[in-house]
Amino acid sequence: MSADAPILIYCRWEAAGGIERVSLRLRDFLRRNGVAAELVSREGHPVFGAEVRRLAETDLGGRTLVFSRKRDLMHIGWRGLGARLVYWRHVPLVGPMTKRLMDAAFIVAMSWRAPVLCVCDELAEHLARLPLLRRAALAVAYAPVAPDVPATMPIRRTDQPKNLLYVGRPGAQKRLDKVLAVVAEARDAGHPVRLRVHGYPPPKDQPDGVTFAPLGSDPQASFSEADALIVWSEYEGFPTIMVEAARAGLPIIANAFATGLRDFERRIGPPARIEDRPEALMRVFTRLPRGSYDLSGVRDEALWPVWAKVLGVSMRDECSKNDIPPRDNAGLRTSDV
């Protein structure tokens, strides 16, 4: 892949998080592995300050084009016929039945046109059950995180956690309401817990003990001051924010959200499970994870072989599958579900 024919990643600004962040990291991951890559969108608006090409000014002919949403393909339109498409699927089928049926039909149709790249094994298993899906099109690769991910990271020991961090975005998927409720309950019981929230505008009546970070700010800047990350969600894809927290050694509290949690527990380590019940936060504080996180499977060296295969780029001379221990490659493969 030459420098004048970069891999294109469709990425339009929507909110401070999610697909936009992992798309930017995919671009950086490809570049540090010697592959030219750029972001592209219809509007060409910057994403987290990164330059984005305008679609109308970009030749798609023969290019590999990664996209994540149905409406991305609507924006791309007929010009995408000349590109090598890769559909990057981040979440399971959710929402009303009509939406699920439309999403299922789109995924099945794409499986006969392009690779369908899932962000975790559990998601691939979920999609593999769709009737008429071309299962050979399914592939699995975790999203890149950073260039300096250690193989293991000791989990910080916190006997009396007081500072919690929550990262999300407005919508039905993320359950900030549940987090605010358990924090309020803990404070009413006399525990001086504080919560910092990323990704939400502050409400008019800000809850006691809760601060809201400026919109668009990097949540990783709050890791050093936090005693634990709390994740409460209806579903995820692969919870990248949990991987980032593990990289920082931050204890993680999570509810039993759908899709991605099993991958995280199997590959990296178990978070402390929180339940929707009285004294939930006080109970989970006694069960924070100890020991170390295993991050070997989300390092560049483990991720690169599968990404290179799916995107159709040459392997680096200094990195091949034979150089990577079997544990690092587990779960990061062309799907066999």
C-alpha atoms as a PDB file:
ATOM      1  CA  MET A   1       0.000   0.000   0.000  1.00  0.00           C
ATOM      2  CA  SER A   2       1.713   3.183  -1.131  1.00  0.00           C
ATOM      3  CA  ALA A   3       1.632   6.487   0.677  1.00  0.00           C
ATOM      4  CA  ASP A   4      -0.498   8.072  -2.053  1.00  0.00           C
ATOM      5  CA  ALA A   5      -3.181   5.365  -1.733  1.00  0.00           C
ATOM      6  CA  PRO A   6      -3.956   5.259   1.991  1.00  0.00           C
ATOM      7  CA  ILE A   7      -6.516   3.077   3.680  1.00  0.00           C
ATOM      8  CA  LEU A   8      -9.550   5.242   4.365  1.00  0.00           C
ATOM      9  CA  ILE A   9     -11.563   5.138   7.598  1.00  0.00           C
ATOM     10  CA  TYR A  10     -14.973   6.801   7.466  1.00  0.00           C
ATOM     11  CA  CYS A  11     -15.336   8.837  10.646  1.00  0.00           C
ATOM     12  CA  ARG A  12     -17.683  11.746  11.253  1.00  0.00           C
ATOM     13  CA  TRP A  13     -17.840  13.692  14.471  1.00  0.00           C
ATOM     14  CA  GLU A  14     -20.807  12.712  16.656  1.00  0.00           C
ATOM     15  CA  ALA A  15     -19.781  12.743  20.287  1.00  0.00           C
ATOM     16  CA  ALA A  16     -16.777  12.537  22.567  1.00  0.00           C
ATOM     17  CA  GLY A  17     -16.291   8.813  22.547  1.00  0.00           C
ATOM     18  CA  GLY A  18     -17.214   5.551  20.913  1.00  0.00           C
ATOM     19  CA  ILE A  19     -16.585   4.969  17.241  1.00  0.00           C
ATOM     20  CA  GLU A  20     -14.839   8.295  16.698  1.00  0.00           C
ATOM     21  CA  ARG A  21     -12.135   7.511  19.245  1.00  0.00           C
ATOM     22  CA  VAL A  22     -11.438   3.975  18.019  1.00  0.00           C
ATOM     23  CA  SER A  23     -11.435   5.148  14.390  1.00  0.00           C
ATOM     24  CA  LEU A  24      -8.739   7.691  15.187  1.00  0.00           C
ATOM     25  CA  ARG A  25      -6.751   5.039  17.008  1.00  0.00           C
ATOM     26  CA  LEU A  26      -7.072   2.638  14.097  1.00  0.00           C
ATOM     27  CA  ARG A  27      -5.583   5.304  11.839  1.00  0.00           C
ATOM     28  CA  ASP A  28      -2.672   5.810  14.237  1.00  0.00           C
ATOM     29  CA  PHE A  29      -2.196   2.042  14.643  1.00  0.00           C
ATOM     30  CA  LEU A  30      -1.935   1.544  10.882  1.00  0.00           C
ATOM     31  CA  ARG A  31       0.500   4.427  10.508  1.00  0.00           C
ATOM     32  CA  ARG A  32       2.865   3.144  13.153  1.00  0.00           C
ATOM     33  CA  ASN A  33       2.835  -0.216  11.370  1.00  0.00           C
ATOM     34  CA  GLY A  34       3.978   1.457   8.155  1.00  0.00           C
ATOM     35  CA  VAL A  35       0.574   1.650   6.437  1.00  0.00           C
ATOM     36  CA  ALA A  36      -0.759   4.961   5.119  1.00  0.00           C
ATOM     37  CA  ALA A  37      -4.212   5.672   6.570  1.00  0.00           C
ATOM     38  CA  GLU A  38      -6.524   8.677   6.702  1.00  0.00           C
ATOM     39  CA  LEU A  39      -9.922   9.614   8.068  1.00  0.00           C
ATOM     40  CA  VAL A  40     -12.646  10.631   5.623  1.00  0.00           C
ATOM     41  CA  SER A  41     -16.211  11.937   5.943  1.00  0.00           C
ATOM     42  CA  ARG A  42     -18.793  13.780   3.901  1.00  0.00           C
ATOM     43  CA  GLU A  43     -18.274  17.038   5.790  1.00  0.00           C
ATOM     44  CA  GLY A  44     -14.532  16.742   6.445  1.00  0.00           C
ATOM     45  CA  HIS A  45     -14.893  18.121   9.971  1.00  0.00           C
ATOM     46  CA  PRO A  46     -11.960  17.427  12.336  1.00  0.00           C
ATOM     47  CA  VAL A  47     -12.337  14.574  14.843  1.00  0.00           C
ATOM     48  CA  PHE A  48     -10.645  15.229  18.192  1.00  0.00           C
ATOM     49  CA  GLY A  49      -8.499  17.765  16.355  1.00  0.00           C
ATOM     50  CA  ALA A  50      -7.391  15.254  13.709  1.00  0.00           C
ATOM     51  CA  GLU A  51      -7.632  16.149  10.028  1.00  0.00           C
ATOM     52  CA  VAL A  52     -10.433  14.459   8.063  1.00  0.00           C
ATOM     53  CA  ARG A  53     -10.614  14.385   4.253  1.00  0.00           C
ATOM     54  CA  ARG A  54     -13.783  15.524   2.527  1.00  0.00           C
ATOM     55  CA  LEU A  55     -15.405  12.636   0.712  1.00  0.00           C
ATOM     56  CA  ALA A  56     -16.068  14.635  -2.459  1.00  0.00           C
ATOM     57  CA  GLU A  57     -12.352  15.401  -2.786  1.00  0.00           C
ATOM     58  CA  THR A  58     -11.208  11.797  -2.278  1.00  0.00           C
ATOM     59  CA  ASP A  59     -10.776   9.158  -4.964  1.00  0.00           C
ATOM     60  CA  LEU A  60     -12.236   5.890  -3.637  1.00  0.00           C
ATOM     61  CA  GLY A  61     -11.350   3.759  -6.651  1.00  0.00           C
ATOM     62  CA  GLY A  62      -9.430   0.674  -5.554  1.00  0.00           C
ATOM     63  CA  ARG A  63      -9.048   1.965  -1.988  1.00  0.00           C
ATOM     64  CA  THR A  64      -9.773  -0.028   1.150  1.00  0.00           C
ATOM     65  CA  LEU A  65     -12.552   1.865   2.949  1.00  0.00           C
ATOM     66  CA  VAL A  66     -13.517   0.978   6.527  1.00  0.00           C
ATOM     67  CA  PHE A  67     -16.956   2.160   7.665  1.00  0.00           C
ATOM     68  CA  SER A  68     -19.000   1.546  10.818  1.00  0.00           C
ATOM     69  CA  ARG A  69     -22.571   2.752  10.272  1.00  0.00           C
ATOM     70  CA  LYS A  70     -25.323   2.217   7.711  1.00  0.00           C
ATOM     71  CA  ARG A  71     -25.602   5.952   7.191  1.00  0.00           C
ATOM     72  CA  ASP A  72     -21.874   6.085   6.460  1.00  0.00           C
ATOM     73  CA  LEU A  73     -22.584   3.968   3.402  1.00  0.00           C
ATOM     74  CA  MET A  74     -25.486   6.258   2.487  1.00  0.00           C
ATOM     75  CA  HIS A  75     -23.072   9.204   2.571  1.00  0.00           C
ATOM     76  CA  ILE A  76     -20.534   7.293   0.486  1.00  0.00           C
ATOM     77  CA  GLY A  77     -23.210   6.369  -2.065  1.00  0.00           C
ATOM     78  CA  TRP A  78     -22.428   5.006  -5.515  1.00  0.00           C
ATOM     79  CA  ARG A  79     -18.793   6.058  -5.221  1.00  0.00           C
ATOM     80  CA  GLY A  80     -18.264   3.153  -2.837  1.00  0.00           C
ATOM     81  CA  LEU A  81     -18.806   0.669  -5.655  1.00  0.00           C
ATOM     82  CA  GLY A  82     -15.189   1.109  -6.717  1.00  0.00           C
ATOM     83  CA  ALA A  83     -13.764   0.710  -3.208  1.00  0.00           C
ATOM     84  CA  ARG A  84     -12.837  -2.393  -1.244  1.00  0.00           C
ATOM     85  CA  LEU A  85     -15.271  -2.038   1.655  1.00  0.00           C
ATOM     86  CA  VAL A  86     -14.740  -3.354   5.185  1.00  0.00           C
ATOM     87  CA  TYR A  87     -17.762  -3.152   7.489  1.00  0.00           C
ATOM     88  CA  TRP A  88     -16.565  -2.585  11.067  1.00  0.00           C
ATOM     89  CA  ARG A  89     -19.408  -3.713  13.345  1.00  0.00           C
ATOM     90  CA  HIS A  90     -19.204  -2.468  16.926  1.00  0.00           C
ATOM     91  CA  VAL A  91     -22.477  -3.429  18.640  1.00  0.00           C
ATOM     92  CA  PRO A  92     -25.072  -6.230  18.677  1.00  0.00           C
ATOM     93  CA  LEU A  93     -28.577  -5.985  17.242  1.00  0.00           C
ATOM     94  CA  VAL A  94     -30.505  -3.755  19.636  1.00  0.00           C
ATOM     95  CA  GLY A  95     -33.573  -1.544  19.746  1.00  0.00           C
ATOM     96  CA  PRO A  96     -37.110  -2.006  18.433  1.00  0.00           C
ATOM     97  CA  MET A  97     -37.880  -5.020  16.264  1.00  0.00           C
ATOM     98  CA  THR A  98     -38.060  -2.930  13.082  1.00  0.00           C
ATOM     99  CA  LYS A  99     -34.570  -1.553  13.692  1.00  0.00           C
ATOM    100  CA  ARG A 100     -33.204  -5.001  14.474  1.00  0.00           C
ATOM    101  CA  LEU A 101     -34.639  -6.428  11.272  1.00  0.00           C
ATOM    102  CA  MET A 102     -33.202  -3.572   9.212  1.00  0.00           C
ATOM    103  CA  ASP A 103     -29.792  -3.956  10.840  1.00  0.00           C
ATOM    104  CA  ALA A 104     -29.860  -7.721  10.362  1.00  0.00           C
ATOM    105  CA  ALA A 105     -30.738  -7.367   6.679  1.00  0.00           C
ATOM    106  CA  PHE A 106     -27.922  -4.845   6.216  1.00  0.00           C
ATOM    107  CA  ILE A 107     -25.354  -7.069   7.937  1.00  0.00           C
ATOM    108  CA  VAL A 108     -26.381 -10.098   5.886  1.00  0.00           C
ATOM    109  CA  ALA A 109     -26.221  -8.096   2.654  1.00  0.00           C
ATOM    110  CA  MET A 110     -22.786  -6.705   3.548  1.00  0.00           C
ATOM    111  CA  SER A 111     -21.498 -10.202   4.332  1.00  0.00           C
ATOM    112  CA  TRP A 112     -21.914 -11.059   0.636  1.00  0.00           C
ATOM    113  CA  ARG A 113     -20.107  -7.882  -0.435  1.00  0.00           C
ATOM    114  CA  ALA A 114     -17.361  -7.255   2.134  1.00  0.00           C
ATOM    115  CA  PRO A 115     -15.627  -8.513   5.285  1.00  0.00           C
ATOM    116  CA  VAL A 116     -17.710  -7.936   8.420  1.00  0.00           C
ATOM    117  CA  LEU A 117     -15.186  -7.136  11.136  1.00  0.00           C
ATOM    118  CA  CYS A 118     -16.467  -7.652  14.696  1.00  0.00           C
ATOM    119  CA  VAL A 119     -14.871  -5.986  17.709  1.00  0.00           C
ATOM    120  CA  CYS A 120     -15.040  -9.120  19.883  1.00  0.00           C
ATOM    121  CA  ASP A 121     -15.710 -12.860  19.777  1.00  0.00           C
ATOM    122  CA  GLU A 122     -19.049 -12.526  21.562  1.00  0.00           C
ATOM    123  CA  LEU A 123     -20.331 -10.125  18.901  1.00  0.00           C
ATOM    124  CA  ALA A 124     -19.240 -12.488  16.117  1.00  0.00           C
ATOM    125  CA  GLU A 125     -21.097 -15.337  17.821  1.00  0.00           C
ATOM    126  CA  HIS A 126     -24.174 -13.105  18.040  1.00  0.00           C
ATOM    127  CA  LEU A 127     -24.068 -12.208  14.335  1.00  0.00           C
ATOM    128  CA  ALA A 128     -23.244 -15.742  13.190  1.00  0.00           C
ATOM    129  CA  ARG A 129     -26.780 -16.792  14.122  1.00  0.00           C
ATOM    130  CA  LEU A 130     -28.328 -14.537  11.459  1.00  0.00           C
ATOM    131  CA  PRO A 131     -30.044 -16.510   8.676  1.00  0.00           C
ATOM    132  CA  LEU A 132     -28.404 -16.268   5.240  1.00  0.00           C
ATOM    133  CA  LEU A 133     -25.269 -14.613   6.635  1.00  0.00           C
ATOM    134  CA  ARG A 134     -22.069 -15.586   4.803  1.00  0.00           C
ATOM    135  CA  ARG A 135     -20.179 -16.754   7.861  1.00  0.00           C
ATOM    136  CA  ALA A 136     -16.849 -16.782   6.043  1.00  0.00           C
ATOM    137  CA  ALA A 137     -17.107 -12.972   5.903  1.00  0.00           C
ATOM    138  CA  LEU A 138     -16.976 -12.658   9.706  1.00  0.00           C
ATOM    139  CA  ALA A 139     -13.651 -11.714  11.265  1.00  0.00           C
ATOM    140  CA  VAL A 140     -12.712 -10.637  14.782  1.00  0.00           C
ATOM    141  CA  ALA A 141     -10.100  -8.099  15.883  1.00  0.00           C
ATOM    142  CA  TYR A 142      -9.958  -5.961  18.989  1.00  0.00           C
ATOM    143  CA  ALA A 143      -9.654  -2.217  18.502  1.00  0.00           C
ATOM    144  CA  PRO A 144      -6.131  -0.791  18.869  1.00  0.00           C
ATOM    145  CA  VAL A 145      -5.507   1.077  22.106  1.00  0.00           C
ATOM    146  CA  ALA A 146      -2.023   2.599  22.210  1.00  0.00           C
ATOM    147  CA  PRO A 147       1.562   1.948  21.054  1.00  0.00           C
ATOM    148  CA  ASP A 148       2.930   1.274  24.535  1.00  0.00           C
ATOM    149  CA  VAL A 149       0.557  -1.288  26.061  1.00  0.00           C
ATOM    150  CA  PRO A 150       2.431  -3.463  28.593  1.00  0.00           C
ATOM    151  CA  ALA A 151       1.990  -7.235  28.653  1.00  0.00           C
ATOM    152  CA  THR A 152       0.670  -7.034  32.218  1.00  0.00           C
ATOM    153  CA  MET A 153      -0.347  -4.208  34.520  1.00  0.00           C
ATOM    154  CA  PRO A 154      -0.655  -4.452  38.324  1.00  0.00           C
ATOM    155  CA  ILE A 155      -4.069  -3.361  39.586  1.00  0.00           C
ATOM    156  CA  ARG A 156      -3.908  -0.485  42.042  1.00  0.00           C
ATOM    157  CA  ARG A 157      -4.890  -1.393  45.571  1.00  0.00           C
ATOM    158  CA  THR A 158      -7.525   0.901  47.012  1.00  0.00           C
ATOM    159  CA  ASP A 159      -8.869  -0.016  50.447  1.00  0.00           C
ATOM    160  CA  GLN A 160     -11.243   2.933  50.741  1.00  0.00           C
ATOM    161  CA  PRO A 161     -12.221   4.109  47.238  1.00  0.00           C
ATOM    162  CA  LYS A 162     -13.630   7.614  47.117  1.00  0.00           C
ATOM    163  CA  ASN A 163     -13.141   8.855  43.564  1.00  0.00           C
ATOM    164  CA  LEU A 164     -15.066   7.108  40.788  1.00  0.00           C
ATOM    165  CA  LEU A 165     -14.838   7.767  37.053  1.00  0.00           C
ATOM    166  CA  TYR A 166     -17.670   7.235  34.555  1.00  0.00           C
ATOM    167  CA  VAL A 167     -17.343   7.621  30.774  1.00  0.00           C
ATOM    168  CA  GLY A 168     -20.256   7.473  28.345  1.00  0.00           C
ATOM    169  CA  ARG A 169     -22.512   9.465  26.089  1.00  0.00           C
ATOM    170  CA  PRO A 170     -26.171  10.537  26.269  1.00  0.00           C
ATOM    171  CA  GLY A 171     -28.614   7.880  25.123  1.00  0.00           C
ATOM    172  CA  ALA A 172     -30.452   4.755  26.201  1.00  0.00           C
ATOM    173  CA  GLN A 173     -27.363   2.528  25.988  1.00  0.00           C
ATOM    174  CA  LYS A 174     -25.336   4.110  28.780  1.00  0.00           C
ATOM    175  CA  ARG A 175     -26.939   4.067  32.225  1.00  0.00           C
ATOM    176  CA  LEU A 176     -25.564   7.124  33.937  1.00  0.00           C
ATOM    177  CA  ASP A 177     -28.851   7.272  35.849  1.00  0.00           C
ATOM    178  CA  LYS A 178     -27.987   4.003  37.601  1.00  0.00           C
ATOM    179  CA  VAL A 179     -24.519   5.250  38.513  1.00  0.00           C
ATOM    180  CA  LEU A 180     -25.862   8.527  39.902  1.00  0.00           C
ATOM    181  CA  ALA A 181     -28.388   6.581  41.976  1.00  0.00           C
ATOM    182  CA  VAL A 182     -25.824   4.284  43.630  1.00  0.00           C
ATOM    183  CA  VAL A 183     -23.462   7.212  44.264  1.00  0.00           C
ATOM    184  CA  ALA A 184     -26.271   9.204  45.903  1.00  0.00           C
ATOM    185  CA  GLU A 185     -27.205   6.185  48.030  1.00  0.00           C
ATOM    186  CA  ALA A 186     -23.595   5.719  49.169  1.00  0.00           C
ATOM    187  CA  ARG A 187     -23.254   9.396  50.063  1.00  0.00           C
ATOM    188  CA  ASP A 188     -26.535   9.310  51.995  1.00  0.00           C
ATOM    189  CA  ALA A 189     -25.109   6.372  53.954  1.00  0.00           C
ATOM    190  CA  GLY A 190     -22.083   8.465  54.924  1.00  0.00           C
ATOM    191  CA  HIS A 191     -19.515   7.237  52.396  1.00  0.00           C
ATOM    192  CA  PRO A 192     -17.709  10.297  50.943  1.00  0.00           C
ATOM    193  CA  VAL A 193     -17.652   8.956  47.376  1.00  0.00           C
ATOM    194  CA  ARG A 194     -17.233  11.388  44.479  1.00  0.00           C
ATOM    195  CA  LEU A 195     -17.949  10.838  40.799  1.00  0.00           C
ATOM    196  CA  ARG A 196     -16.389  12.453  37.723  1.00  0.00           C
ATOM    197  CA  VAL A 197     -18.391  12.082  34.505  1.00  0.00           C
ATOM    198  CA  HIS A 198     -17.020  12.341  30.952  1.00  0.00           C
ATOM    199  CA  GLY A 199     -19.161  12.649  27.829  1.00  0.00           C
ATOM    200  CA  TYR A 200     -22.255  14.380  29.245  1.00  0.00           C
ATOM    201  CA  PRO A 201     -23.232  18.044  29.543  1.00  0.00           C
ATOM    202  CA  PRO A 202     -23.766  19.086  33.168  1.00  0.00           C
ATOM    203  CA  PRO A 203     -27.430  19.186  34.244  1.00  0.00           C
ATOM    204  CA  LYS A 204     -29.006  22.333  35.655  1.00  0.00           C
ATOM    205  CA  ASP A 205     -29.217  20.732  39.079  1.00  0.00           C
ATOM    206  CA  GLN A 206     -25.855  19.055  39.485  1.00  0.00           C
ATOM    207  CA  PRO A 207     -25.974  16.155  41.970  1.00  0.00           C
ATOM    208  CA  ASP A 208     -23.977  16.448  45.155  1.00  0.00           C
ATOM    209  CA  GLY A 209     -20.496  14.979  44.839  1.00  0.00           C
ATOM    210  CA  VAL A 210     -20.649  14.755  41.033  1.00  0.00           C
ATOM    211  CA  THR A 211     -18.548  16.798  38.597  1.00  0.00           C
ATOM    212  CA  PHE A 212     -18.853  16.829  34.805  1.00  0.00           C
ATOM    213  CA  ALA A 213     -15.712  17.110  32.698  1.00  0.00           C
ATOM    214  CA  PRO A 214     -15.735  19.513  29.723  1.00  0.00           C
ATOM    215  CA  LEU A 215     -17.273  17.917  26.644  1.00  0.00           C
ATOM    216  CA  GLY A 216     -14.640  16.481  24.329  1.00  0.00           C
ATOM    217  CA  SER A 217     -11.998  16.156  27.047  1.00  0.00           C
ATOM    218  CA  ASP A 218      -9.875  13.016  27.191  1.00  0.00           C
ATOM    219  CA  PRO A 219     -11.075  10.728  30.003  1.00  0.00           C
ATOM    220  CA  GLN A 220      -7.604   9.214  30.338  1.00  0.00           C
ATOM    221  CA  ALA A 221      -6.517  12.469  31.950  1.00  0.00           C
ATOM    222  CA  SER A 222      -8.785  11.545  34.884  1.00  0.00           C
ATOM    223  CA  PHE A 223      -7.348   8.054  35.413  1.00  0.00           C
ATOM    224  CA  SER A 224      -4.587   9.181  37.760  1.00  0.00           C
ATOM    225  CA  GLU A 225      -7.057  10.812  40.170  1.00  0.00           C
ATOM    226  CA  ALA A 226      -9.640   8.008  40.117  1.00  0.00           C
ATOM    227  CA  ASP A 227      -9.795   5.074  42.522  1.00  0.00           C
ATOM    228  CA  ALA A 228     -11.963   3.007  40.163  1.00  0.00           C
ATOM    229  CA  LEU A 229     -13.753   3.140  36.810  1.00  0.00           C
ATOM    230  CA  ILE A 230     -17.460   2.313  36.890  1.00  0.00           C
ATOM    231  CA  VAL A 231     -19.188   1.038  33.740  1.00  0.00           C
ATOM    232  CA  TRP A 232     -22.966   0.658  33.662  1.00  0.00           C
ATOM    233  CA  SER A 233     -24.403  -0.027  30.245  1.00  0.00           C
ATOM    234  CA  GLU A 234     -27.138  -1.976  28.471  1.00  0.00           C
ATOM    235  CA  TYR A 235     -24.625  -3.300  25.940  1.00  0.00           C
ATOM    236  CA  GLU A 236     -21.165  -2.646  24.550  1.00  0.00           C
ATOM    237  CA  GLY A 237     -19.107  -3.837  21.636  1.00  0.00           C
ATOM    238  CA  PHE A 238     -15.700  -4.398  23.129  1.00  0.00           C
ATOM    239  CA  PRO A 239     -15.427  -1.944  26.052  1.00  0.00           C
ATOM    240  CA  THR A 240     -12.410   0.104  24.975  1.00  0.00           C
ATOM    241  CA  ILE A 241     -12.655   2.403  27.992  1.00  0.00           C
ATOM    242  CA  MET A 242     -12.177  -0.660  30.211  1.00  0.00           C
ATOM    243  CA  VAL A 243      -9.064  -1.628  28.251  1.00  0.00           C
ATOM    244  CA  GLU A 244      -7.721   1.904  28.697  1.00  0.00           C
ATOM    245  CA  ALA A 245      -8.451   1.749  32.423  1.00  0.00           C
ATOM    246  CA  ALA A 246      -6.730  -1.641  32.691  1.00  0.00           C
ATOM    247  CA  ARG A 247      -3.694  -0.187  30.920  1.00  0.00           C
ATOM    248  CA  ALA A 248      -3.569   2.414  33.706  1.00  0.00           C
ATOM    249  CA  GLY A 249      -3.997  -0.232  36.428  1.00  0.00           C
ATOM    250  CA  LEU A 250      -7.347   1.214  37.477  1.00  0.00           C
ATOM    251  CA  PRO A 251      -9.764  -1.133  39.306  1.00  0.00           C
ATOM    252  CA  ILE A 252     -12.939  -1.617  37.256  1.00  0.00           C
ATOM    253  CA  ILE A 253     -16.547  -1.939  38.411  1.00  0.00           C
ATOM    254  CA  ALA A 254     -19.071  -3.086  35.798  1.00  0.00           C
ATOM    255  CA  ASN A 255     -22.624  -4.317  35.501  1.00  0.00           C
ATOM    256  CA  ALA A 256     -23.478  -7.446  33.503  1.00  0.00           C
ATOM    257  CA  PHE A 257     -23.830  -5.621  30.180  1.00  0.00           C
ATOM    258  CA  ALA A 258     -24.421  -7.529  26.962  1.00  0.00           C
ATOM    259  CA  THR A 259     -21.633  -8.235  24.443  1.00  0.00           C
ATOM    260  CA  GLY A 260     -17.954  -7.710  25.188  1.00  0.00           C
ATOM    261  CA  LEU A 261     -17.837  -8.415  28.910  1.00  0.00           C
ATOM    262  CA  ARG A 262     -17.038 -12.109  28.454  1.00  0.00           C
ATOM    263  CA  ASP A 263     -14.172 -11.233  26.094  1.00  0.00           C
ATOM    264  CA  PHE A 264     -12.774  -8.751  28.596  1.00  0.00           C
ATOM    265  CA  GLU A 265     -12.997 -11.185  31.503  1.00  0.00           C
ATOM    266  CA  ARG A 266     -11.423 -14.014  29.507  1.00  0.00           C
ATOM    267  CA  ARG A 267      -8.599 -12.028  27.901  1.00  0.00           C
ATOM    268  CA  ILE A 268      -7.770  -9.276  30.388  1.00  0.00           C
ATOM    269  CA  GLY A 269      -9.317  -9.974  33.784  1.00  0.00           C
ATOM    270  CA  PRO A 270     -12.576  -9.833  35.729  1.00  0.00           C
ATOM    271  CA  PRO A 271     -14.027  -6.525  36.895  1.00  0.00           C
ATOM    272  CA  ALA A 272     -15.989  -6.263  40.127  1.00  0.00           C
ATOM    273  CA  ARG A 273     -19.625  -6.919  39.214  1.00  0.00           C
ATOM    274  CA  ILE A 274     -22.193  -4.410  40.442  1.00  0.00           C
ATOM    275  CA  GLU A 275     -25.890  -5.255  40.694  1.00  0.00           C
ATOM    276  CA  ASP A 276     -29.005  -3.099  40.701  1.00  0.00           C
ATOM    277  CA  ARG A 277     -29.822  -3.591  44.378  1.00  0.00           C
ATOM    278  CA  PRO A 278     -29.650  -1.660  47.670  1.00  0.00           C
ATOM    279  CA  GLU A 279     -26.151  -0.811  48.913  1.00  0.00           C
ATOM    280  CA  ALA A 280     -24.740  -1.901  45.555  1.00  0.00           C
ATOM    281  CA  LEU A 281     -21.738   0.413  45.647  1.00  0.00           C
ATOM    282  CA  MET A 282     -20.830  -0.373  49.244  1.00  0.00           C
ATOM    283  CA  ARG A 283     -20.971  -4.097  48.477  1.00  0.00           C
ATOM    284  CA  VAL A 284     -18.813  -3.870  45.360  1.00  0.00           C
ATOM    285  CA  PHE A 285     -16.157  -1.818  47.155  1.00  0.00           C
ATOM    286  CA  THR A 286     -15.320  -4.963  49.148  1.00  0.00           C
ATOM    287  CA  ARG A 287     -14.776  -6.963  45.922  1.00  0.00           C
ATOM    288  CA  LEU A 288     -12.521  -4.768  43.805  1.00  0.00           C
ATOM    289  CA  PRO A 289     -10.180  -6.797  41.562  1.00  0.00           C
ATOM    290  CA  ARG A 290      -6.665  -7.589  42.781  1.00  0.00           C
ATOM    291  CA  GLY A 291      -3.539  -8.827  41.076  1.00  0.00           C
ATOM    292  CA  SER A 292      -2.741  -7.844  37.481  1.00  0.00           C
ATOM    293  CA  TYR A 293      -4.464  -7.324  34.150  1.00  0.00           C
ATOM    294  CA  ASP A 294      -3.267  -9.405  31.187  1.00  0.00           C
ATOM    295  CA  LEU A 295      -2.937  -6.991  28.253  1.00  0.00           C
ATOM    296  CA  SER A 296      -0.840  -9.204  25.985  1.00  0.00           C
ATOM    297  CA  GLY A 297      -3.743  -9.754  23.577  1.00  0.00           C
ATOM    298  CA  VAL A 298      -4.344  -6.040  22.936  1.00  0.00           C
ATOM    299  CA  ARG A 299      -0.755  -5.028  22.199  1.00  0.00           C
ATOM    300  CA  ASP A 300       0.158  -3.929  18.682  1.00  0.00           C
ATOM    301  CA  GLU A 301       2.152  -7.111  18.127  1.00  0.00           C
ATOM    302  CA  ALA A 302      -0.930  -9.258  18.783  1.00  0.00           C
ATOM    303  CA  LEU A 303      -3.403  -7.085  16.885  1.00  0.00           C
ATOM    304  CA  TRP A 304      -1.380  -6.462  13.737  1.00  0.00           C
ATOM    305  CA  PRO A 305      -1.566  -9.899  12.019  1.00  0.00           C
ATOM    306  CA  VAL A 306      -5.372  -9.988  11.991  1.00  0.00           C
ATOM    307  CA  TRP A 307      -5.806  -6.347  10.996  1.00  0.00           C
ATOM    308  CA  ALA A 308      -3.275  -6.823   8.196  1.00  0.00           C
ATOM    309  CA  LYS A 309      -5.163  -9.850   6.902  1.00  0.00           C
ATOM    310  CA  VAL A 310      -8.601  -8.220   7.000  1.00  0.00           C
ATOM    311  CA  LEU A 311      -7.411  -4.973   5.423  1.00  0.00           C
ATOM    312  CA  GLY A 312      -5.323  -6.738   2.791  1.00  0.00           C
ATOM    313  CA  VAL A 313      -1.997  -5.100   3.609  1.00  0.00           C
ATOM    314  CA  SER A 314       1.475  -6.634   3.718  1.00  0.00           C
ATOM    315  CA  MET A 315       2.826  -7.856   7.022  1.00  0.00           C
ATOM    316  CA  ARG A 316       5.744  -6.014   8.545  1.00  0.00           C
ATOM    317  CA  ASP A 317       9.048  -7.815   8.058  1.00  0.00           C
ATOM    318  CA  GLU A 318       9.713  -7.637  11.777  1.00  0.00           C
ATOM    319  CA  CYS A 319       6.338  -8.988  12.817  1.00  0.00           C
ATOM    320  CA  SER A 320       4.742 -12.252  11.811  1.00  0.00           C
ATOM    321  CA  LYS A 321       2.305 -14.649  13.421  1.00  0.00           C
ATOM    322  CA  ASN A 322       5.202 -16.961  14.205  1.00  0.00           C
ATOM    323  CA  ASP A 323       6.733 -14.240  16.380  1.00  0.00           C
ATOM    324  CA  ILE A 324       3.680 -14.019  18.632  1.00  0.00           C
ATOM    325  CA  PRO A 325       2.940 -16.461  21.468  1.00  0.00           C
ATOM    326  CA  PRO A 326      -0.291 -18.468  20.974  1.00  0.00           C
ATOM    327  CA  ARG A 327      -1.966 -16.720  23.955  1.00  0.00           C
ATOM    328  CA  ASP A 328      -1.547 -13.346  22.242  1.00  0.00           C
ATOM    329  CA  ASN A 329      -3.226 -14.567  19.092  1.00  0.00           C
ATOM    330  CA  ALA A 330      -6.158 -16.236  20.850  1.00  0.00           C
ATOM    331  CA  GLY A 331      -9.453 -14.500  20.114  1.00  0.00           C
ATOM    332  CA  LEU A 332      -7.878 -12.262  17.482  1.00  0.00           C
ATOM    333  CA  ARG A 333      -8.483 -14.156  14.311  1.00  0.00           C
ATOM    334  CA  THR A 334     -10.678 -14.810  11.342  1.00  0.00           C
ATOM    335  CA  SER A 335     -13.815 -16.005  13.086  1.00  0.00           C
ATOM    336  CA  ASP A 336     -14.572 -19.713  13.306  1.00  0.00           C
ATOM    337  CA  VAL A 337     -17.995 -19.314  14.872  1.00  0.00           C
END
